[in-house]
N, C-alpha and C. Protein backbone atom coordinates (compact mmCIF):
# COMPACT_ATOMS: atom_id res chain seq x y z
N MET A 1 89.37 82.31 95.15
CA MET A 1 90.06 82.02 96.50
C MET A 1 89.08 82.42 97.55
N THR A 2 88.68 81.48 98.41
CA THR A 2 87.82 81.63 99.59
C THR A 2 88.40 82.43 100.67
N GLN A 3 87.64 82.98 101.60
CA GLN A 3 88.11 83.73 102.67
C GLN A 3 88.91 82.84 103.63
N GLU A 4 88.54 81.50 103.83
CA GLU A 4 89.09 80.70 104.75
C GLU A 4 90.54 80.32 104.30
N LYS A 5 90.72 80.38 102.89
CA LYS A 5 92.09 79.80 102.43
C LYS A 5 93.13 81.04 102.32
N MET A 6 92.70 82.19 102.52
CA MET A 6 93.41 83.43 102.50
C MET A 6 94.27 83.49 103.74
N ASN A 7 95.56 83.62 103.40
CA ASN A 7 96.57 83.95 104.70
C ASN A 7 96.99 85.32 104.81
N SER A 8 97.77 85.86 105.61
CA SER A 8 97.95 87.29 105.84
C SER A 8 98.76 87.60 104.72
N ASP A 9 99.77 86.96 104.14
CA ASP A 9 100.54 87.45 102.94
C ASP A 9 99.57 87.85 101.81
N VAL A 10 98.67 86.91 101.54
CA VAL A 10 97.74 87.32 100.29
C VAL A 10 97.01 88.61 100.62
N LEU A 11 96.43 88.62 101.91
CA LEU A 11 95.65 89.78 102.25
C LEU A 11 96.43 91.10 102.17
N VAL A 12 97.82 91.01 102.61
CA VAL A 12 98.65 92.29 102.44
C VAL A 12 98.76 92.52 101.10
N ARG A 13 98.98 91.48 100.31
CA ARG A 13 99.27 91.89 98.79
C ARG A 13 98.06 92.55 98.24
N ILE A 14 96.80 91.94 98.65
CA ILE A 14 95.52 92.79 98.22
C ILE A 14 95.57 94.17 98.71
N SER A 15 95.97 94.29 99.91
CA SER A 15 95.80 95.73 100.39
C SER A 15 96.83 96.62 99.69
N HIS A 16 98.04 96.13 99.28
CA HIS A 16 99.03 96.90 98.71
C HIS A 16 98.46 97.12 97.31
N MET A 17 97.94 96.25 96.65
CA MET A 17 97.53 96.46 95.28
C MET A 17 96.32 97.50 95.34
N SER A 18 95.40 97.56 96.37
CA SER A 18 94.42 98.52 96.47
C SER A 18 94.99 100.08 96.65
N LEU A 19 96.16 99.96 97.52
CA LEU A 19 96.83 101.26 97.70
C LEU A 19 97.55 101.70 96.41
N TRP A 20 98.04 100.66 95.65
CA TRP A 20 98.65 101.11 94.36
C TRP A 20 97.67 101.77 93.50
N ILE A 21 96.42 101.21 93.42
CA ILE A 21 95.31 101.52 92.56
C ILE A 21 94.95 103.04 92.98
N LEU A 22 94.82 103.26 94.39
CA LEU A 22 94.56 104.62 94.74
C LEU A 22 95.72 105.69 94.46
N LEU A 23 96.84 105.20 94.73
CA LEU A 23 97.92 106.12 94.35
C LEU A 23 97.98 106.37 92.87
N ALA A 24 97.78 105.59 91.94
CA ALA A 24 97.86 105.74 90.60
C ALA A 24 96.54 106.66 90.14
N THR A 25 95.40 106.47 90.93
CA THR A 25 94.33 107.28 90.42
C THR A 25 94.54 108.69 91.03
N ILE A 26 94.97 108.96 92.06
CA ILE A 26 95.33 110.34 92.60
C ILE A 26 96.35 110.98 91.68
N LEU A 27 97.43 110.21 91.38
CA LEU A 27 98.39 110.88 90.44
C LEU A 27 97.77 111.30 89.08
N TYR A 28 96.85 110.37 88.49
CA TYR A 28 96.27 110.51 87.38
C TYR A 28 95.21 111.73 87.41
N VAL A 29 94.39 111.76 88.37
CA VAL A 29 93.48 112.95 88.58
C VAL A 29 94.24 114.18 88.74
N GLY A 30 95.23 114.15 89.58
CA GLY A 30 95.98 115.46 89.91
C GLY A 30 96.65 116.04 88.73
N SER A 31 97.37 115.16 87.95
CA SER A 31 97.95 115.60 86.66
C SER A 31 97.03 116.02 85.71
N ALA A 32 95.83 115.49 85.67
CA ALA A 32 94.83 115.78 84.39
C ALA A 32 94.39 117.28 84.94
N MET A 33 94.08 117.34 86.22
CA MET A 33 93.62 118.64 86.69
C MET A 33 94.68 119.76 86.52
N LEU A 34 95.95 119.53 86.69
CA LEU A 34 97.02 120.42 86.38
C LEU A 34 96.93 120.81 85.00
N VAL A 35 96.68 119.95 84.13
CA VAL A 35 96.90 120.02 82.65
C VAL A 35 95.59 120.99 82.37
N LEU A 36 94.50 120.65 82.91
CA LEU A 36 93.47 121.38 82.61
C LEU A 36 93.51 123.01 83.12
N LEU A 37 94.09 123.02 84.17
CA LEU A 37 94.38 124.54 84.72
C LEU A 37 95.42 125.16 84.13
N LEU A 38 96.56 124.52 83.69
CA LEU A 38 97.75 125.35 83.12
C LEU A 38 97.81 125.20 81.62
N GLY A 39 97.10 124.31 81.16
CA GLY A 39 97.49 124.15 79.71
C GLY A 39 96.64 125.14 78.69
N ASP A 40 97.00 125.01 77.52
CA ASP A 40 96.38 125.71 76.59
C ASP A 40 95.07 124.97 76.07
N PRO A 41 94.09 125.65 75.25
CA PRO A 41 92.78 124.97 75.05
C PRO A 41 93.01 123.63 74.46
N GLU A 42 94.03 123.33 73.55
CA GLU A 42 94.04 121.95 73.10
C GLU A 42 94.49 120.98 74.08
N THR A 43 95.48 121.53 74.93
CA THR A 43 95.95 120.52 75.90
C THR A 43 94.80 120.22 76.89
N ALA A 44 93.94 121.32 77.29
CA ALA A 44 93.04 121.15 78.26
C ALA A 44 91.90 120.23 77.65
N ALA A 45 91.55 120.19 76.43
CA ALA A 45 90.73 119.21 75.75
C ALA A 45 91.24 117.85 75.97
N ARG A 46 92.54 117.65 75.75
CA ARG A 46 93.05 116.28 76.12
C ARG A 46 92.98 115.86 77.62
N GLY A 47 93.13 116.91 78.52
CA GLY A 47 93.00 116.70 79.96
C GLY A 47 91.53 116.17 80.36
N ARG A 48 90.50 116.87 79.59
CA ARG A 48 89.11 116.50 79.94
C ARG A 48 88.86 115.21 79.44
N LEU A 49 89.45 114.79 78.29
CA LEU A 49 89.31 113.47 77.66
C LEU A 49 89.97 112.37 78.68
N ALA A 50 90.96 112.72 79.29
CA ALA A 50 91.74 111.82 80.32
C ALA A 50 90.83 111.62 81.46
N LEU A 51 90.21 112.69 81.92
CA LEU A 51 89.22 112.66 83.04
C LEU A 51 87.98 111.83 82.74
N VAL A 52 87.58 111.99 81.49
CA VAL A 52 86.34 111.10 81.09
C VAL A 52 86.65 109.67 81.03
N MET A 53 87.86 109.18 80.81
CA MET A 53 88.28 107.87 80.71
C MET A 53 88.70 107.30 82.08
N LEU A 54 88.69 108.15 83.14
CA LEU A 54 89.02 107.76 84.36
C LEU A 54 88.23 106.65 84.98
N PRO A 55 86.77 106.67 84.86
CA PRO A 55 85.88 105.48 85.25
C PRO A 55 86.25 104.25 84.62
N VAL A 56 86.59 104.26 83.50
CA VAL A 56 87.00 103.06 82.61
C VAL A 56 88.21 102.59 83.27
N PHE A 57 89.19 103.23 83.48
CA PHE A 57 90.51 102.76 84.22
C PHE A 57 90.07 102.19 85.59
N ASN A 58 89.37 102.97 86.32
CA ASN A 58 88.98 102.36 87.72
C ASN A 58 88.37 101.20 87.75
N ALA A 59 87.37 101.16 86.72
CA ALA A 59 86.47 99.86 86.60
C ALA A 59 87.48 98.58 86.30
N ILE A 60 88.43 98.81 85.45
CA ILE A 60 89.34 97.76 85.10
C ILE A 60 90.16 97.42 86.23
N ALA A 61 90.73 98.47 86.94
CA ALA A 61 91.68 98.25 88.05
C ALA A 61 90.81 97.68 89.27
N PHE A 62 89.74 97.95 89.69
CA PHE A 62 89.06 97.53 90.69
C PHE A 62 88.46 95.98 90.42
N GLY A 63 88.21 95.77 89.14
CA GLY A 63 87.74 94.40 88.59
C GLY A 63 89.03 93.46 88.79
N ALA A 64 90.11 93.96 88.55
CA ALA A 64 91.36 93.03 88.86
C ALA A 64 91.53 92.93 90.26
N LEU A 65 91.22 93.88 91.04
CA LEU A 65 91.46 93.65 92.40
C LEU A 65 90.40 92.60 92.93
N LEU A 66 89.12 92.75 92.67
CA LEU A 66 88.27 91.87 93.04
C LEU A 66 88.46 90.56 92.61
N SER A 67 88.90 90.34 91.24
CA SER A 67 89.23 89.19 90.89
C SER A 67 90.44 88.36 91.56
N LYS A 68 91.19 89.24 91.95
CA LYS A 68 92.39 88.78 92.92
C LYS A 68 92.01 88.42 94.25
N SER A 69 91.10 89.15 94.72
CA SER A 69 90.68 88.91 96.20
C SER A 69 89.55 87.74 96.19
N GLY A 70 88.96 87.56 95.17
CA GLY A 70 88.20 86.47 95.22
C GLY A 70 86.65 86.73 95.73
N LYS A 71 86.45 87.59 96.73
CA LYS A 71 85.20 87.97 97.11
C LYS A 71 85.17 89.54 97.33
N ALA A 72 84.01 90.04 97.25
CA ALA A 72 83.95 91.64 97.31
C ALA A 72 83.91 91.77 98.96
N LYS A 73 83.51 90.87 99.73
CA LYS A 73 83.40 91.11 101.29
C LYS A 73 84.76 90.80 101.88
N CYS A 74 85.85 90.63 101.04
CA CYS A 74 87.12 90.56 101.61
C CYS A 74 87.56 91.66 102.73
N ALA A 75 87.28 92.93 102.23
CA ALA A 75 87.64 93.90 103.13
C ALA A 75 87.03 93.89 104.59
N ARG A 76 85.84 93.25 104.63
CA ARG A 76 85.20 93.25 106.00
C ARG A 76 85.54 91.92 106.68
N SER A 77 86.33 91.08 106.21
CA SER A 77 86.44 89.76 106.86
C SER A 77 87.29 89.99 108.05
N PRO A 78 87.27 89.14 109.08
CA PRO A 78 88.03 89.15 110.31
C PRO A 78 89.67 89.22 109.88
N GLN A 79 89.93 88.25 108.95
CA GLN A 79 91.26 88.27 108.54
C GLN A 79 91.83 89.76 108.16
N MET A 80 91.22 90.35 107.26
CA MET A 80 91.55 91.63 106.74
C MET A 80 91.68 92.67 107.80
N ARG A 81 90.71 92.47 108.80
CA ARG A 81 90.52 93.54 109.95
C ARG A 81 92.03 93.28 110.73
N ALA A 82 92.27 92.01 110.89
CA ALA A 82 93.57 91.81 111.64
C ALA A 82 94.77 92.25 110.90
N VAL A 83 94.77 92.14 109.66
CA VAL A 83 96.05 92.67 108.91
C VAL A 83 95.93 94.24 108.89
N MET A 84 94.75 94.83 108.93
CA MET A 84 94.68 96.29 108.97
C MET A 84 95.14 96.75 110.43
N ASN A 85 94.80 96.14 111.35
CA ASN A 85 95.08 96.45 112.77
C ASN A 85 96.40 96.05 113.23
N ASP A 86 97.18 95.54 112.33
CA ASP A 86 98.48 95.07 112.77
C ASP A 86 99.37 96.11 113.07
N GLU A 87 100.19 95.87 114.06
CA GLU A 87 101.09 96.93 114.63
C GLU A 87 102.15 97.56 113.59
N LEU A 88 102.57 96.78 112.65
CA LEU A 88 103.54 97.20 111.61
C LEU A 88 102.68 98.06 110.58
N ARG A 89 101.50 97.88 110.45
CA ARG A 89 100.51 98.55 109.39
C ARG A 89 100.25 99.85 110.16
N GLN A 90 100.03 99.86 111.49
CA GLN A 90 99.70 101.14 112.12
C GLN A 90 100.87 101.99 112.17
N MET A 91 102.15 101.58 112.27
CA MET A 91 103.32 102.22 112.29
C MET A 91 103.47 102.84 110.93
N ALA A 92 103.24 102.20 109.81
CA ALA A 92 103.38 102.63 108.48
C ALA A 92 102.44 103.68 108.29
N LEU A 93 101.15 103.55 108.71
CA LEU A 93 100.33 104.48 108.50
C LEU A 93 100.72 105.93 109.31
N SER A 94 101.18 105.70 110.54
CA SER A 94 101.43 107.04 111.21
C SER A 94 102.66 107.69 110.45
N LYS A 95 103.69 106.89 109.92
CA LYS A 95 104.80 107.38 109.31
C LYS A 95 104.18 107.99 107.83
N GLY A 96 103.35 107.48 107.37
CA GLY A 96 102.77 107.98 106.02
C GLY A 96 102.04 109.22 106.26
N TYR A 97 101.37 109.28 107.46
CA TYR A 97 100.49 110.56 107.82
C TYR A 97 101.54 111.81 108.06
N ARG A 98 102.64 111.34 108.66
CA ARG A 98 103.55 112.39 108.98
C ARG A 98 104.36 112.87 107.88
N ASN A 99 104.70 111.98 106.86
CA ASN A 99 105.40 112.42 105.78
C ASN A 99 104.50 113.11 104.75
N GLY A 100 103.32 112.70 104.79
CA GLY A 100 102.29 113.47 103.90
C GLY A 100 102.03 114.83 104.39
N PHE A 101 102.02 115.01 105.81
CA PHE A 101 101.77 116.39 106.35
C PHE A 101 102.75 117.24 106.12
N PHE A 102 104.13 116.92 106.16
CA PHE A 102 105.17 117.62 106.07
C PHE A 102 105.43 117.91 104.41
N ALA A 103 105.08 116.87 103.82
CA ALA A 103 105.21 117.32 102.24
C ALA A 103 104.13 118.24 101.84
N THR A 104 102.95 118.26 102.51
CA THR A 104 101.94 119.34 102.27
C THR A 104 102.35 120.74 102.72
N LEU A 105 103.04 120.75 103.86
CA LEU A 105 103.63 121.93 104.35
C LEU A 105 104.66 122.62 103.36
N VAL A 106 105.53 121.73 103.00
CA VAL A 106 106.64 122.27 101.94
C VAL A 106 106.11 122.45 100.80
N THR A 107 105.30 121.81 100.17
CA THR A 107 104.66 121.89 98.83
C THR A 107 103.80 123.29 98.89
N THR A 108 103.06 123.68 99.98
CA THR A 108 102.39 124.95 100.07
C THR A 108 103.30 126.06 99.87
N VAL A 109 104.42 125.99 100.53
CA VAL A 109 105.36 127.12 100.44
C VAL A 109 106.08 127.29 99.19
N VAL A 110 106.53 126.15 98.72
CA VAL A 110 107.23 126.18 97.33
C VAL A 110 106.35 126.51 96.18
N ALA A 111 105.00 125.96 96.26
CA ALA A 111 104.29 126.15 95.25
C ALA A 111 103.59 127.66 95.22
N SER A 112 103.49 128.24 96.28
CA SER A 112 103.02 129.53 96.57
C SER A 112 104.04 130.38 95.94
N LEU A 113 105.24 130.27 96.25
CA LEU A 113 106.32 131.18 95.69
C LEU A 113 106.41 131.05 94.26
N ILE A 114 106.54 129.81 93.77
CA ILE A 114 106.49 129.60 92.23
C ILE A 114 105.38 130.24 91.52
N VAL A 115 104.25 129.81 91.98
CA VAL A 115 103.05 130.51 91.35
C VAL A 115 103.03 132.03 91.37
N ALA A 116 103.51 132.57 92.47
CA ALA A 116 103.42 134.08 92.76
C ALA A 116 104.46 134.80 91.71
N LEU A 117 105.61 134.06 91.69
CA LEU A 117 106.68 134.65 90.76
C LEU A 117 106.41 134.26 89.33
N SER A 118 105.71 133.36 88.97
CA SER A 118 105.42 132.98 87.47
C SER A 118 104.08 133.80 86.99
N GLY A 119 103.27 134.20 87.83
CA GLY A 119 102.10 134.92 87.48
C GLY A 119 101.14 134.05 86.81
N VAL A 120 100.75 132.91 87.39
CA VAL A 120 99.75 132.13 86.87
C VAL A 120 98.45 132.82 87.11
N GLU A 121 97.48 132.45 86.18
CA GLU A 121 96.10 133.16 86.23
C GLU A 121 95.31 132.44 87.38
N LYS A 122 95.11 131.21 87.49
CA LYS A 122 94.40 130.37 88.45
C LYS A 122 95.19 130.00 89.59
N ALA A 123 95.89 130.90 90.29
CA ALA A 123 96.88 130.39 91.16
C ALA A 123 96.28 129.67 92.43
N PRO A 124 95.09 130.13 93.00
CA PRO A 124 94.73 129.23 94.20
C PRO A 124 94.45 127.85 93.79
N ALA A 125 93.74 127.72 92.65
CA ALA A 125 93.35 126.37 92.12
C ALA A 125 94.57 125.50 91.77
N VAL A 126 95.36 126.07 91.24
CA VAL A 126 96.79 125.48 90.84
C VAL A 126 97.53 124.87 92.23
N ILE A 127 97.52 125.89 93.10
CA ILE A 127 98.12 125.51 94.52
C ILE A 127 97.39 124.52 95.11
N MET A 128 96.09 124.42 95.20
CA MET A 128 95.21 123.53 95.82
C MET A 128 95.47 122.25 95.30
N VAL A 129 95.35 122.09 94.05
CA VAL A 129 95.43 120.84 93.31
C VAL A 129 96.85 120.11 93.53
N LEU A 130 97.89 121.07 93.35
CA LEU A 130 99.36 120.56 93.61
C LEU A 130 99.50 120.18 95.01
N VAL A 131 99.07 120.82 95.97
CA VAL A 131 99.33 120.50 97.46
C VAL A 131 98.56 119.13 97.79
N ILE A 132 97.28 119.11 97.34
CA ILE A 132 96.50 117.94 97.63
C ILE A 132 97.10 116.65 96.92
N THR A 133 97.62 116.74 95.63
CA THR A 133 98.09 115.60 95.06
C THR A 133 99.34 115.20 95.50
N VAL A 134 100.38 116.20 95.87
CA VAL A 134 101.60 115.83 96.21
C VAL A 134 101.43 115.22 97.96
N GLY A 135 100.55 115.78 98.64
CA GLY A 135 100.46 115.46 100.10
C GLY A 135 99.79 113.96 100.15
N VAL A 136 98.80 113.78 99.54
CA VAL A 136 98.09 112.45 99.47
C VAL A 136 99.11 111.45 98.74
N SER A 137 99.72 111.69 97.70
CA SER A 137 100.60 110.83 97.03
C SER A 137 101.75 110.43 97.84
N THR A 138 102.31 111.32 98.54
CA THR A 138 103.52 111.24 99.52
C THR A 138 103.08 110.29 100.67
N MET A 139 101.92 110.47 101.22
CA MET A 139 101.25 109.67 102.10
C MET A 139 101.14 108.16 101.87
N LEU A 140 100.56 108.14 100.65
CA LEU A 140 100.23 106.67 100.18
C LEU A 140 101.66 106.04 99.86
N ALA A 141 102.58 106.65 99.07
CA ALA A 141 103.89 106.13 98.82
C ALA A 141 104.65 105.79 100.07
N SER A 142 104.43 106.77 101.01
CA SER A 142 105.18 106.39 102.14
C SER A 142 104.64 105.08 103.08
N VAL A 143 103.40 105.01 103.06
CA VAL A 143 102.71 103.78 103.69
C VAL A 143 103.14 102.46 102.95
N LEU A 144 103.16 102.67 101.54
CA LEU A 144 103.45 101.32 100.78
C LEU A 144 105.04 101.13 100.84
N TYR A 145 105.84 102.18 101.13
CA TYR A 145 107.19 101.95 101.42
C TYR A 145 107.60 101.25 102.77
N HIS A 146 106.84 101.75 103.76
CA HIS A 146 107.13 101.37 105.13
C HIS A 146 106.48 100.10 105.69
N ASP A 147 105.29 99.84 104.79
CA ASP A 147 104.59 98.65 105.14
C ASP A 147 105.26 97.40 104.76
N ARG A 148 105.00 96.18 105.60
CA ARG A 148 105.78 94.99 105.29
C ARG A 148 105.58 94.46 104.01
């Protein structure tokens, strides 16, 4: 599909697909890191294997994205810039940032209490991975929900 033939609906779908890929990657890496930090040695070995397979999954996902978009320069096209600068997209982004911020605040408090009461060995690392994963995932999911 050439850039001239792409309408805004196709570009929005391509943008949503890239956000879904990013959300899946964040959840995948966050859960693998939590398995590495909290699991026993056998489970941690499986978590390391999952992290080793991440580039393969990303290559497949981004290959599918590029084949759907048609050109690698689609993100820099004037049509895609117009879609990204759309008022509805900007509103969805601001709602996503807000929801991600509040999810980060709540997760920090809740995770700190749970980790402190349960006596986890690597508490700061667990809290950091959990807060980042929940915050970014909430932001991306909120943008996907509120976007057109």
